[in-house]
Amino acid sequence: MNNDQDIKIDTLWMQQLTAAGINLKDVDPFREITEQELEYLRNMYPYVRLISPNAGYISEQNLIKKKAATGWQIFDYDNLIAISPGDKLFHSGNQKFIAKILAGKDPDGDDGDEGDGDDAFLPEAGTILQQALDTIEEIIRMALGRGWPYLKILDGSKIMKRMTWIKGEQHGWLIEGYSPSEEENKLLDRLRESDDEWQLTPTVLHI
């Protein structure tokens, strides 16, 4: 590829970025990425890893990839289990759905956007939020079925760690590795005092 072709491609990219409202002149590619930015990215790509308290060396050779009932990806190392939505994350509307949750908005409400229709939903498994809750419960039951005395959250995106903790409290499962805030503990008290079945809505989970 010669210089003229390189310039044409660069110009085309700049035109597309400008049309999308992105001005690279305002971007400093060498600045440090903030922890808030990293946290935002982690939350936009939900995942969580649970580990057995008796886990020793985790070998890649033990990895078995399987699909959850929701279609999410399970990474099973026997004494460590991880989940993520895999390619389901990129279903039209799912990332926008997550962004609304993180912003404390009702994903189903009218916020002035042009309607998403049912794009934020995967009909066979519900919203990506419901998929996350169902998949978390599936792997917790999987781990307890193997005789893990309790579960420890190794790492994950904040909303996934929060949902794992809440699921544990809902069913009386001992889960370590998450330190709830005062507001989260108040939420838990409200859920326990409710006569209805725990309604883990986006608004509730955002807190």
N, C-alpha and C. Protein backbone atom coordinates (compact mmCIF):
# COMPACT_ATOMS: atom_id res chain seq x y z
N MET A 1 0.86 -1.19 0.00
CA MET A 1 0.00 0.00 0.00
C MET A 1 0.89 1.23 0.00
N ASN A 2 0.64 2.18 -0.95
CA ASN A 2 1.48 3.36 -1.03
C ASN A 2 0.95 4.47 -0.12
N ASN A 3 1.71 5.57 -0.05
CA ASN A 3 1.36 6.68 0.85
C ASN A 3 0.02 7.30 0.48
N ASP A 4 -0.26 7.42 -0.83
CA ASP A 4 -1.53 8.02 -1.25
C ASP A 4 -2.73 7.19 -0.76
N GLN A 5 -2.60 5.87 -0.81
CA GLN A 5 -3.67 5.01 -0.33
C GLN A 5 -3.84 5.14 1.18
N ASP A 6 -2.70 5.24 1.89
CA ASP A 6 -2.75 5.42 3.34
C ASP A 6 -3.49 6.70 3.70
N ILE A 7 -3.19 7.77 2.98
CA ILE A 7 -3.82 9.07 3.25
C ILE A 7 -5.32 9.00 2.98
N LYS A 8 -5.71 8.33 1.88
CA LYS A 8 -7.14 8.20 1.55
C LYS A 8 -7.88 7.44 2.64
N ILE A 9 -7.26 6.35 3.14
CA ILE A 9 -7.89 5.55 4.19
C ILE A 9 -8.01 6.36 5.48
N ASP A 10 -6.91 7.08 5.84
CA ASP A 10 -6.94 7.93 7.04
C ASP A 10 -8.02 8.99 6.93
N THR A 11 -8.14 9.58 5.75
CA THR A 11 -9.16 10.62 5.54
C THR A 11 -10.57 10.05 5.67
N LEU A 12 -10.76 8.84 5.13
CA LEU A 12 -12.06 8.19 5.20
C LEU A 12 -12.43 7.91 6.66
N TRP A 13 -11.46 7.41 7.43
CA TRP A 13 -11.71 7.14 8.84
C TRP A 13 -12.05 8.42 9.59
N MET A 14 -11.32 9.48 9.32
CA MET A 14 -11.57 10.76 9.99
C MET A 14 -12.96 11.27 9.65
N GLN A 15 -13.38 11.11 8.40
CA GLN A 15 -14.72 11.54 8.00
C GLN A 15 -15.80 10.75 8.75
N GLN A 16 -15.58 9.44 8.89
CA GLN A 16 -16.56 8.61 9.59
C GLN A 16 -16.62 8.94 11.07
N LEU A 17 -15.46 9.19 11.67
CA LEU A 17 -15.43 9.54 13.08
C LEU A 17 -16.09 10.89 13.32
N THR A 18 -15.82 11.84 12.43
CA THR A 18 -16.42 13.18 12.55
C THR A 18 -17.94 13.09 12.41
N ALA A 19 -18.40 12.27 11.46
CA ALA A 19 -19.85 12.09 11.27
C ALA A 19 -20.50 11.48 12.51
N ALA A 20 -19.71 10.68 13.26
CA ALA A 20 -20.23 10.06 14.49
C ALA A 20 -20.08 10.97 15.70
N GLY A 21 -19.56 12.19 15.47
CA GLY A 21 -19.42 13.14 16.58
C GLY A 21 -18.17 12.95 17.39
N ILE A 22 -17.18 12.22 16.86
CA ILE A 22 -15.93 11.96 17.57
C ILE A 22 -14.84 12.83 16.98
N ASN A 23 -14.27 13.69 17.81
CA ASN A 23 -13.21 14.58 17.37
C ASN A 23 -11.89 14.13 18.00
N LEU A 24 -11.04 13.50 17.20
CA LEU A 24 -9.78 12.98 17.73
C LEU A 24 -8.81 14.08 18.15
N LYS A 25 -9.06 15.30 17.69
CA LYS A 25 -8.19 16.40 18.11
C LYS A 25 -8.30 16.66 19.61
N ASP A 26 -9.44 16.26 20.18
CA ASP A 26 -9.66 16.46 21.61
C ASP A 26 -9.19 15.27 22.44
N VAL A 27 -8.64 14.25 21.78
CA VAL A 27 -8.26 13.03 22.48
C VAL A 27 -6.75 13.01 22.70
N ASP A 28 -6.34 12.76 23.96
CA ASP A 28 -4.93 12.59 24.28
C ASP A 28 -4.67 11.09 24.42
N PRO A 29 -4.06 10.46 23.41
CA PRO A 29 -3.88 9.01 23.46
C PRO A 29 -2.87 8.55 24.50
N PHE A 30 -2.14 9.50 25.10
CA PHE A 30 -1.08 9.13 26.04
C PHE A 30 -1.46 9.37 27.50
N ARG A 31 -2.66 9.90 27.73
CA ARG A 31 -3.04 10.16 29.12
C ARG A 31 -3.35 8.84 29.82
N GLU A 32 -3.26 8.85 31.14
CA GLU A 32 -3.58 7.65 31.91
C GLU A 32 -5.07 7.39 31.90
N ILE A 33 -5.43 6.12 31.81
CA ILE A 33 -6.83 5.73 31.90
C ILE A 33 -7.21 5.73 33.37
N THR A 34 -8.30 6.38 33.71
CA THR A 34 -8.70 6.49 35.11
C THR A 34 -9.38 5.20 35.58
N GLU A 35 -9.40 5.02 36.89
CA GLU A 35 -10.06 3.85 37.48
C GLU A 35 -11.55 3.87 37.17
N GLN A 36 -12.15 5.08 37.14
CA GLN A 36 -13.57 5.19 36.82
C GLN A 36 -13.85 4.69 35.39
N GLU A 37 -12.94 5.02 34.46
CA GLU A 37 -13.11 4.56 33.08
C GLU A 37 -12.97 3.04 32.98
N LEU A 38 -12.01 2.49 33.72
CA LEU A 38 -11.83 1.04 33.72
C LEU A 38 -13.05 0.34 34.31
N GLU A 39 -13.60 0.93 35.40
CA GLU A 39 -14.78 0.35 36.02
C GLU A 39 -15.97 0.38 35.07
N TYR A 40 -16.09 1.47 34.33
CA TYR A 40 -17.19 1.58 33.35
C TYR A 40 -17.07 0.47 32.30
N LEU A 41 -15.86 0.26 31.79
CA LEU A 41 -15.66 -0.77 30.77
C LEU A 41 -15.94 -2.16 31.34
N ARG A 42 -15.49 -2.40 32.58
CA ARG A 42 -15.75 -3.71 33.20
C ARG A 42 -17.25 -3.96 33.32
N ASN A 43 -18.00 -2.91 33.67
CA ASN A 43 -19.43 -3.08 33.85
C ASN A 43 -20.17 -3.23 32.53
N MET A 44 -19.61 -2.66 31.45
CA MET A 44 -20.25 -2.80 30.15
C MET A 44 -20.04 -4.19 29.57
N TYR A 45 -19.07 -4.92 30.11
CA TYR A 45 -18.79 -6.29 29.66
C TYR A 45 -18.90 -7.21 30.88
N PRO A 46 -20.14 -7.51 31.30
CA PRO A 46 -20.36 -8.19 32.57
C PRO A 46 -19.74 -9.59 32.63
N TYR A 47 -19.08 -9.87 33.76
CA TYR A 47 -18.53 -11.19 34.00
C TYR A 47 -18.34 -11.35 35.51
N VAL A 48 -18.21 -12.57 35.95
CA VAL A 48 -17.85 -12.84 37.34
C VAL A 48 -17.13 -14.19 37.39
N ARG A 49 -16.18 -14.30 38.32
CA ARG A 49 -15.46 -15.56 38.51
C ARG A 49 -15.61 -15.98 39.97
N LEU A 50 -16.07 -17.22 40.16
CA LEU A 50 -16.23 -17.79 41.50
C LEU A 50 -15.20 -18.89 41.69
N ILE A 51 -14.61 -18.94 42.87
CA ILE A 51 -13.56 -19.93 43.13
C ILE A 51 -13.87 -20.68 44.42
N SER A 52 -13.51 -21.94 44.43
CA SER A 52 -13.68 -22.76 45.63
C SER A 52 -12.64 -22.37 46.67
N PRO A 53 -13.02 -22.33 47.96
CA PRO A 53 -12.02 -22.01 49.00
C PRO A 53 -10.94 -23.07 49.09
N ASN A 54 -11.20 -24.25 48.54
CA ASN A 54 -10.21 -25.33 48.57
C ASN A 54 -9.41 -25.42 47.28
N ALA A 55 -9.58 -24.42 46.41
CA ALA A 55 -8.89 -24.47 45.11
C ALA A 55 -7.39 -24.35 45.31
N GLY A 56 -6.68 -25.15 44.57
CA GLY A 56 -5.23 -25.05 44.56
C GLY A 56 -4.80 -24.41 43.26
N TYR A 57 -3.93 -25.08 42.54
CA TYR A 57 -3.47 -24.57 41.25
C TYR A 57 -4.59 -24.70 40.21
N ILE A 58 -4.84 -23.61 39.50
CA ILE A 58 -5.86 -23.62 38.44
C ILE A 58 -5.17 -23.87 37.11
N SER A 59 -5.48 -25.01 36.51
CA SER A 59 -4.83 -25.39 35.26
C SER A 59 -5.73 -25.09 34.07
N GLU A 60 -5.15 -24.48 33.04
CA GLU A 60 -5.88 -24.24 31.80
C GLU A 60 -6.31 -25.55 31.15
N GLN A 61 -5.59 -26.62 31.44
CA GLN A 61 -5.92 -27.91 30.85
C GLN A 61 -7.26 -28.44 31.35
N ASN A 62 -7.70 -27.94 32.52
CA ASN A 62 -8.98 -28.39 33.08
C ASN A 62 -10.17 -27.64 32.50
N LEU A 63 -9.91 -26.61 31.68
CA LEU A 63 -10.99 -25.75 31.20
C LEU A 63 -11.94 -26.51 30.28
N ILE A 64 -13.23 -26.42 30.62
CA ILE A 64 -14.29 -26.92 29.75
C ILE A 64 -15.24 -25.76 29.50
N LYS A 65 -15.44 -25.43 28.25
CA LYS A 65 -16.38 -24.37 27.89
C LYS A 65 -17.74 -24.99 27.61
N LYS A 66 -18.76 -24.39 28.20
CA LYS A 66 -20.11 -24.90 27.99
C LYS A 66 -21.09 -23.75 27.97
N LYS A 67 -22.29 -24.02 27.52
CA LYS A 67 -23.33 -23.01 27.47
C LYS A 67 -24.27 -23.18 28.66
N ALA A 68 -24.61 -22.04 29.28
CA ALA A 68 -25.62 -22.05 30.32
C ALA A 68 -27.00 -22.19 29.68
N ALA A 69 -28.02 -22.41 30.50
CA ALA A 69 -29.38 -22.50 29.98
C ALA A 69 -29.80 -21.21 29.29
N THR A 70 -29.21 -20.10 29.71
CA THR A 70 -29.53 -18.80 29.11
C THR A 70 -28.78 -18.55 27.81
N GLY A 71 -27.81 -19.42 27.50
CA GLY A 71 -26.98 -19.20 26.32
C GLY A 71 -25.68 -18.49 26.65
N TRP A 72 -25.51 -18.06 27.92
CA TRP A 72 -24.25 -17.43 28.32
C TRP A 72 -23.13 -18.46 28.28
N GLN A 73 -21.90 -17.94 28.23
CA GLN A 73 -20.72 -18.81 28.18
C GLN A 73 -20.26 -19.12 29.60
N ILE A 74 -20.07 -20.40 29.90
CA ILE A 74 -19.50 -20.84 31.18
C ILE A 74 -18.09 -21.35 30.92
N PHE A 75 -17.14 -20.86 31.72
CA PHE A 75 -15.75 -21.32 31.66
C PHE A 75 -15.51 -22.12 32.94
N ASP A 76 -15.47 -23.43 32.81
CA ASP A 76 -15.46 -24.33 33.96
C ASP A 76 -14.08 -24.95 34.14
N TYR A 77 -13.42 -24.57 35.25
CA TYR A 77 -12.11 -25.15 35.59
C TYR A 77 -12.24 -26.16 36.72
N ASP A 78 -13.43 -26.58 37.03
CA ASP A 78 -13.76 -27.50 38.12
C ASP A 78 -13.77 -26.78 39.47
N ASN A 79 -12.65 -26.19 39.88
CA ASN A 79 -12.63 -25.47 41.15
C ASN A 79 -12.67 -23.95 40.96
N LEU A 80 -12.90 -23.52 39.75
CA LEU A 80 -13.13 -22.11 39.42
C LEU A 80 -14.13 -22.07 38.26
N ILE A 81 -15.15 -21.26 38.41
CA ILE A 81 -16.17 -21.16 37.36
C ILE A 81 -16.38 -19.69 37.03
N ALA A 82 -16.34 -19.36 35.74
CA ALA A 82 -16.54 -17.99 35.29
C ALA A 82 -17.66 -17.95 34.28
N ILE A 83 -18.32 -16.79 34.19
CA ILE A 83 -19.38 -16.62 33.20
C ILE A 83 -19.28 -15.26 32.54
N SER A 84 -19.73 -15.21 31.30
CA SER A 84 -19.89 -13.94 30.58
C SER A 84 -20.94 -14.18 29.50
N PRO A 85 -21.56 -13.10 29.00
CA PRO A 85 -22.60 -13.29 27.98
C PRO A 85 -22.07 -13.73 26.62
N GLY A 86 -20.76 -13.64 26.40
CA GLY A 86 -20.21 -14.02 25.11
C GLY A 86 -20.78 -13.14 24.01
N ASP A 87 -21.09 -13.75 22.85
CA ASP A 87 -21.58 -12.95 21.73
C ASP A 87 -22.99 -12.42 21.96
N LYS A 88 -23.68 -12.91 22.99
CA LYS A 88 -25.01 -12.36 23.30
C LYS A 88 -24.92 -10.89 23.71
N LEU A 89 -23.77 -10.49 24.24
CA LEU A 89 -23.61 -9.10 24.67
C LEU A 89 -23.86 -8.14 23.53
N PHE A 90 -23.54 -8.57 22.31
CA PHE A 90 -23.60 -7.67 21.16
C PHE A 90 -24.93 -7.75 20.43
N HIS A 91 -25.90 -8.46 21.01
CA HIS A 91 -27.25 -8.42 20.47
C HIS A 91 -27.74 -6.98 20.56
N SER A 92 -28.39 -6.52 19.53
CA SER A 92 -28.82 -5.12 19.46
C SER A 92 -29.55 -4.70 20.73
N GLY A 93 -29.07 -3.65 21.37
CA GLY A 93 -29.76 -3.08 22.53
C GLY A 93 -29.18 -3.51 23.86
N ASN A 94 -28.44 -4.62 23.94
CA ASN A 94 -27.99 -5.11 25.23
C ASN A 94 -27.03 -4.16 25.93
N GLN A 95 -26.07 -3.60 25.19
CA GLN A 95 -25.13 -2.68 25.83
C GLN A 95 -25.84 -1.40 26.27
N LYS A 96 -26.80 -0.96 25.47
CA LYS A 96 -27.57 0.22 25.85
C LYS A 96 -28.39 -0.07 27.10
N PHE A 97 -28.91 -1.28 27.18
CA PHE A 97 -29.68 -1.72 28.34
C PHE A 97 -28.80 -1.65 29.59
N ILE A 98 -27.57 -2.17 29.50
CA ILE A 98 -26.64 -2.15 30.63
C ILE A 98 -26.30 -0.71 31.01
N ALA A 99 -26.05 0.13 30.01
CA ALA A 99 -25.69 1.52 30.28
C ALA A 99 -26.79 2.23 31.07
N LYS A 100 -28.06 1.94 30.74
CA LYS A 100 -29.16 2.56 31.47
C LYS A 100 -29.19 2.09 32.92
N ILE A 101 -28.93 0.81 33.14
CA ILE A 101 -28.89 0.29 34.51
C ILE A 101 -27.81 1.00 35.31
N LEU A 102 -26.61 1.12 34.71
CA LEU A 102 -25.50 1.76 35.41
C LEU A 102 -25.79 3.22 35.70
N ALA A 103 -26.60 3.85 34.87
CA ALA A 103 -26.95 5.26 35.07
C ALA A 103 -28.14 5.42 36.00
N GLY A 104 -28.67 4.31 36.51
CA GLY A 104 -29.80 4.38 37.42
C GLY A 104 -31.12 4.66 36.74
N LYS A 105 -31.20 4.40 35.44
CA LYS A 105 -32.43 4.65 34.70
C LYS A 105 -33.22 3.35 34.54
N ASP A 106 -34.50 3.50 34.32
CA ASP A 106 -35.34 2.35 34.03
C ASP A 106 -35.14 1.97 32.57
N PRO A 107 -34.57 0.79 32.29
CA PRO A 107 -34.30 0.41 30.90
C PRO A 107 -35.55 0.34 30.04
N ASP A 108 -36.70 0.14 30.70
CA ASP A 108 -37.95 0.04 29.95
C ASP A 108 -38.67 1.37 29.86
N GLY A 109 -38.13 2.39 30.52
CA GLY A 109 -38.81 3.68 30.56
C GLY A 109 -38.51 4.53 29.34
N ASP A 110 -39.24 5.62 29.24
CA ASP A 110 -39.07 6.55 28.12
C ASP A 110 -38.11 7.64 28.54
N ASP A 111 -36.90 7.61 27.98
CA ASP A 111 -35.91 8.63 28.36
C ASP A 111 -35.62 9.58 27.20
N GLY A 112 -36.50 9.58 26.22
CA GLY A 112 -36.32 10.49 25.08
C GLY A 112 -35.62 9.84 23.91
N ASP A 113 -35.14 8.59 24.10
CA ASP A 113 -34.48 7.90 22.99
C ASP A 113 -35.52 7.48 21.96
N GLU A 114 -35.06 7.36 20.73
CA GLU A 114 -35.91 6.72 19.74
C GLU A 114 -36.09 5.27 20.18
N GLY A 115 -37.28 4.76 20.12
CA GLY A 115 -37.61 3.47 20.72
C GLY A 115 -36.70 2.35 20.30
N ASP A 116 -36.36 1.51 21.29
CA ASP A 116 -35.55 0.33 21.02
C ASP A 116 -36.42 -0.86 20.66
N GLY A 117 -37.76 -0.68 20.82
CA GLY A 117 -38.64 -1.83 20.62
C GLY A 117 -38.25 -2.91 21.60
N ASP A 118 -38.11 -4.15 21.13
CA ASP A 118 -37.72 -5.26 21.98
C ASP A 118 -36.24 -5.56 21.84
N ASP A 119 -35.46 -4.63 21.31
CA ASP A 119 -34.05 -4.91 21.03
C ASP A 119 -33.26 -5.25 22.28
N ALA A 120 -33.69 -4.71 23.44
CA ALA A 120 -32.94 -4.96 24.68
C ALA A 120 -33.27 -6.33 25.26
N PHE A 121 -34.09 -7.10 24.59
CA PHE A 121 -34.51 -8.39 25.11
C PHE A 121 -34.11 -9.51 24.17
N LEU A 122 -33.73 -10.63 24.76
CA LEU A 122 -33.53 -11.84 23.99
C LEU A 122 -34.71 -12.74 24.35
N PRO A 123 -35.66 -12.89 23.47
CA PRO A 123 -36.94 -13.52 23.82
C PRO A 123 -36.80 -14.87 24.52
N GLU A 124 -35.78 -15.64 24.17
CA GLU A 124 -35.69 -16.98 24.74
C GLU A 124 -35.18 -16.96 26.18
N ALA A 125 -34.62 -15.85 26.65
CA ALA A 125 -34.03 -15.84 27.99
C ALA A 125 -34.31 -14.57 28.78
N GLY A 126 -35.12 -13.68 28.25
CA GLY A 126 -35.42 -12.44 28.97
C GLY A 126 -34.36 -11.39 28.75
N THR A 127 -34.41 -10.34 29.55
CA THR A 127 -33.43 -9.27 29.42
C THR A 127 -32.04 -9.77 29.79
N ILE A 128 -31.03 -9.02 29.42
CA ILE A 128 -29.66 -9.44 29.76
C ILE A 128 -29.47 -9.43 31.28
N LEU A 129 -30.23 -8.59 31.98
CA LEU A 129 -30.19 -8.59 33.44
C LEU A 129 -30.73 -9.90 33.99
N GLN A 130 -31.88 -10.34 33.48
CA GLN A 130 -32.45 -11.60 33.94
C GLN A 130 -31.56 -12.77 33.56
N GLN A 131 -30.94 -12.70 32.39
CA GLN A 131 -29.99 -13.75 31.99
C GLN A 131 -28.85 -13.84 32.99
N ALA A 132 -28.32 -12.67 33.41
CA ALA A 132 -27.22 -12.65 34.37
C ALA A 132 -27.63 -13.31 35.68
N LEU A 133 -28.80 -12.93 36.21
CA LEU A 133 -29.28 -13.49 37.47
C LEU A 133 -29.46 -15.01 37.36
N ASP A 134 -30.07 -15.46 36.26
CA ASP A 134 -30.32 -16.89 36.08
C ASP A 134 -29.00 -17.66 35.93
N THR A 135 -28.04 -17.07 35.21
CA THR A 135 -26.77 -17.76 34.99
C THR A 135 -25.96 -17.81 36.28
N ILE A 136 -26.00 -16.73 37.06
CA ILE A 136 -25.32 -16.73 38.36
C ILE A 136 -25.87 -17.85 39.23
N GLU A 137 -27.20 -17.95 39.28
CA GLU A 137 -27.80 -19.00 40.10
C GLU A 137 -27.41 -20.38 39.59
N GLU A 138 -27.34 -20.54 38.27
CA GLU A 138 -26.97 -21.84 37.70
C GLU A 138 -25.57 -22.26 38.12
N ILE A 139 -24.61 -21.35 38.07
CA ILE A 139 -23.24 -21.76 38.41
C ILE A 139 -23.05 -21.90 39.92
N ILE A 140 -23.81 -21.14 40.71
CA ILE A 140 -23.73 -21.33 42.17
C ILE A 140 -24.22 -22.73 42.52
N ARG A 141 -25.35 -23.13 41.93
CA ARG A 141 -25.88 -24.47 42.19
C ARG A 141 -24.91 -25.54 41.67
N MET A 142 -24.25 -25.25 40.57
CA MET A 142 -23.25 -26.18 40.02
C MET A 142 -22.10 -26.37 41.02
N ALA A 143 -21.62 -25.24 41.56
CA ALA A 143 -20.50 -25.30 42.50
C ALA A 143 -20.88 -26.01 43.79
N LEU A 144 -22.05 -25.69 44.34
CA LEU A 144 -22.49 -26.32 45.58
C LEU A 144 -22.73 -27.80 45.37
N GLY A 145 -23.17 -28.17 44.17
CA GLY A 145 -23.38 -29.57 43.85
C GLY A 145 -22.08 -30.37 43.82
N ARG A 146 -20.97 -29.67 43.69
CA ARG A 146 -19.66 -30.33 43.69
C ARG A 146 -19.08 -30.42 45.11
N GLY A 147 -19.83 -29.91 46.06
CA GLY A 147 -19.37 -30.00 47.44
C GLY A 147 -18.53 -28.83 47.93
N TRP A 148 -18.52 -27.72 47.15
CA TRP A 148 -17.80 -26.55 47.66
C TRP A 148 -18.46 -26.14 48.99
N PRO A 149 -17.66 -25.94 50.06
CA PRO A 149 -18.26 -25.56 51.34
C PRO A 149 -18.90 -24.17 51.30
N TYR A 150 -18.35 -23.31 50.52
CA TYR A 150 -18.92 -21.99 50.24
C TYR A 150 -18.24 -21.46 48.99
N LEU A 151 -18.66 -20.28 48.55
CA LEU A 151 -18.10 -19.73 47.31
C LEU A 151 -17.41 -18.41 47.61
N LYS A 152 -16.40 -18.14 46.83
CA LYS A 152 -15.69 -16.87 46.94
C LYS A 152 -15.68 -16.17 45.58
N ILE A 153 -16.06 -14.90 45.58
CA ILE A 153 -15.99 -14.10 44.36
C ILE A 153 -14.53 -13.71 44.14
N LEU A 154 -13.94 -14.24 43.08
CA LEU A 154 -12.53 -13.93 42.79
C LEU A 154 -12.41 -12.54 42.18
N ASP A 155 -13.22 -12.26 41.18
CA ASP A 155 -13.27 -10.94 40.58
C ASP A 155 -14.50 -10.87 39.68
N GLY A 156 -14.70 -9.70 39.09
CA GLY A 156 -15.85 -9.52 38.22
C GLY A 156 -16.22 -8.06 38.10
N SER A 157 -17.18 -7.78 37.22
CA SER A 157 -17.68 -6.42 37.11
C SER A 157 -18.57 -6.15 38.33
N LYS A 158 -18.66 -4.87 38.71
CA LYS A 158 -19.32 -4.53 39.97
C LYS A 158 -20.75 -5.03 40.04
N ILE A 159 -21.51 -4.80 38.97
CA ILE A 159 -22.92 -5.19 39.01
C ILE A 159 -23.07 -6.71 39.10
N MET A 160 -22.13 -7.47 38.49
CA MET A 160 -22.20 -8.92 38.57
C MET A 160 -21.84 -9.42 39.96
N LYS A 161 -20.84 -8.79 40.59
CA LYS A 161 -20.49 -9.17 41.96
C LYS A 161 -21.65 -8.86 42.90
N ARG A 162 -22.30 -7.71 42.69
CA ARG A 162 -23.45 -7.35 43.52
C ARG A 162 -24.58 -8.35 43.36
N MET A 163 -24.88 -8.75 42.11
CA MET A 163 -25.96 -9.70 41.88
C MET A 163 -25.63 -11.07 42.49
N THR A 164 -24.35 -11.46 42.44
CA THR A 164 -23.94 -12.74 43.03
C THR A 164 -24.15 -12.71 44.54
N TRP A 165 -23.76 -11.61 45.16
CA TRP A 165 -23.94 -11.46 46.61
C TRP A 165 -25.42 -11.50 46.97
N ILE A 166 -26.26 -10.78 46.21
CA ILE A 166 -27.70 -10.74 46.50
C ILE A 166 -28.31 -12.13 46.31
N LYS A 167 -27.91 -12.84 45.25
CA LYS A 167 -28.42 -14.19 45.02
C LYS A 167 -28.06 -15.11 46.19
N GLY A 168 -26.84 -14.97 46.70
CA GLY A 168 -26.42 -15.77 47.85
C GLY A 168 -27.28 -15.48 49.07
N GLU A 169 -27.52 -14.20 49.33
CA GLU A 169 -28.34 -13.81 50.47
C GLU A 169 -29.78 -14.28 50.30
N GLN A 170 -30.28 -14.22 49.06
CA GLN A 170 -31.66 -14.63 48.79
C GLN A 170 -31.89 -16.10 49.14
N HIS A 171 -30.89 -16.95 48.82
CA HIS A 171 -31.06 -18.39 48.99
C HIS A 171 -30.32 -18.94 50.22
N GLY A 172 -29.65 -18.07 50.97
CA GLY A 172 -28.94 -18.54 52.15
C GLY A 172 -27.63 -19.23 51.84
N TRP A 173 -27.03 -18.89 50.69
CA TRP A 173 -25.74 -19.47 50.33
C TRP A 173 -24.62 -18.57 50.84
N LEU A 174 -23.58 -19.15 51.42
CA LEU A 174 -22.45 -18.38 51.93
C LEU A 174 -21.52 -18.00 50.78
N ILE A 175 -21.40 -16.71 50.55
CA ILE A 175 -20.55 -16.21 49.48
C ILE A 175 -19.63 -15.13 50.04
N GLU A 176 -18.35 -15.31 49.87
CA GLU A 176 -17.36 -14.34 50.34
C GLU A 176 -16.79 -13.57 49.15
N GLY A 177 -16.07 -12.50 49.45
CA GLY A 177 -15.38 -11.76 48.40
C GLY A 177 -16.10 -10.52 47.94
N TYR A 178 -17.18 -10.14 48.64
CA TYR A 178 -17.88 -8.91 48.30
C TYR A 178 -18.22 -8.18 49.59
N SER A 179 -17.88 -6.90 49.64
CA SER A 179 -18.15 -6.07 50.81
C SER A 179 -19.28 -5.11 50.47
N PRO A 180 -20.49 -5.41 50.91
CA PRO A 180 -21.62 -4.54 50.58
C PRO A 180 -21.53 -3.20 51.28
N SER A 181 -22.05 -2.18 50.61
CA SER A 181 -22.09 -0.84 51.19
C SER A 181 -23.25 -0.75 52.18
N GLU A 182 -23.32 0.34 52.90
CA GLU A 182 -24.43 0.56 53.83
C GLU A 182 -25.76 0.56 53.08
N GLU A 183 -25.77 1.20 51.89
CA GLU A 183 -27.00 1.25 51.11
C GLU A 183 -27.42 -0.14 50.64
N GLU A 184 -26.44 -0.97 50.29
CA GLU A 184 -26.75 -2.33 49.84
C GLU A 184 -27.31 -3.17 50.99
N ASN A 185 -26.78 -2.99 52.19
CA ASN A 185 -27.31 -3.70 53.34
C ASN A 185 -28.73 -3.25 53.66
N LYS A 186 -29.01 -1.96 53.48
CA LYS A 186 -30.38 -1.46 53.67
C LYS A 186 -31.32 -2.08 52.64
N LEU A 187 -30.82 -2.19 51.40
CA LEU A 187 -31.61 -2.83 50.35
C LEU A 187 -31.94 -4.26 50.75
N LEU A 188 -30.95 -4.97 51.27
CA LEU A 188 -31.15 -6.36 51.67
C LEU A 188 -32.22 -6.45 52.77
N ASP A 189 -32.17 -5.54 53.73
CA ASP A 189 -33.19 -5.52 54.79
C ASP A 189 -34.58 -5.31 54.21
N ARG A 190 -34.69 -4.39 53.21
CA ARG A 190 -36.00 -4.13 52.61
C ARG A 190 -36.51 -5.36 51.87
N LEU A 191 -35.61 -6.05 51.16
CA LEU A 191 -36.00 -7.25 50.43
C LEU A 191 -36.47 -8.34 51.39
N ARG A 192 -35.77 -8.47 52.53
CA ARG A 192 -36.13 -9.51 53.50
C ARG A 192 -37.48 -9.22 54.17
N GLU A 193 -37.79 -7.93 54.32
CA GLU A 193 -39.03 -7.53 54.99
C GLU A 193 -40.23 -7.57 54.05
N SER A 194 -39.97 -7.67 52.76
CA SER A 194 -41.04 -7.66 51.78
C SER A 194 -41.82 -8.97 51.82
N ASP A 195 -43.15 -8.86 51.69
CA ASP A 195 -44.00 -10.06 51.66
C ASP A 195 -43.95 -10.74 50.30
N ASP A 196 -43.59 -9.96 49.29
CA ASP A 196 -43.55 -10.49 47.93
C ASP A 196 -42.24 -11.21 47.68
N GLU A 197 -42.22 -12.00 46.61
CA GLU A 197 -40.97 -12.62 46.16
C GLU A 197 -39.98 -11.52 45.79
N TRP A 198 -38.72 -11.74 46.08
CA TRP A 198 -37.71 -10.72 45.81
C TRP A 198 -37.78 -10.30 44.35
N GLN A 199 -38.00 -9.01 44.13
CA GLN A 199 -38.06 -8.49 42.77
C GLN A 199 -36.74 -7.77 42.47
N LEU A 200 -35.84 -8.47 41.80
CA LEU A 200 -34.51 -7.91 41.51
C LEU A 200 -34.56 -7.15 40.20
N THR A 201 -35.18 -5.99 40.25
CA THR A 201 -35.35 -5.15 39.07
C THR A 201 -34.08 -4.35 38.82
N PRO A 202 -33.91 -3.77 37.62
CA PRO A 202 -32.76 -2.92 37.35
C PRO A 202 -32.61 -1.79 38.37
N THR A 203 -33.74 -1.16 38.76
CA THR A 203 -33.67 -0.06 39.71
C THR A 203 -33.15 -0.55 41.05
N VAL A 204 -33.63 -1.70 41.49
CA VAL A 204 -33.19 -2.27 42.77
C VAL A 204 -31.70 -2.60 42.72
N LEU A 205 -31.27 -3.22 41.65
CA LEU A 205 -29.88 -3.68 41.57
C LEU A 205 -28.91 -2.51 41.42
N HIS A 206 -29.37 -1.38 40.83
CA HIS A 206 -28.47 -0.25 40.71
C HIS A 206 -28.23 0.39 42.07
N ILE A 207 -29.26 0.46 42.87
CA ILE A 207 -29.26 1.06 44.23
C ILE A 207 -29.05 2.54 44.14
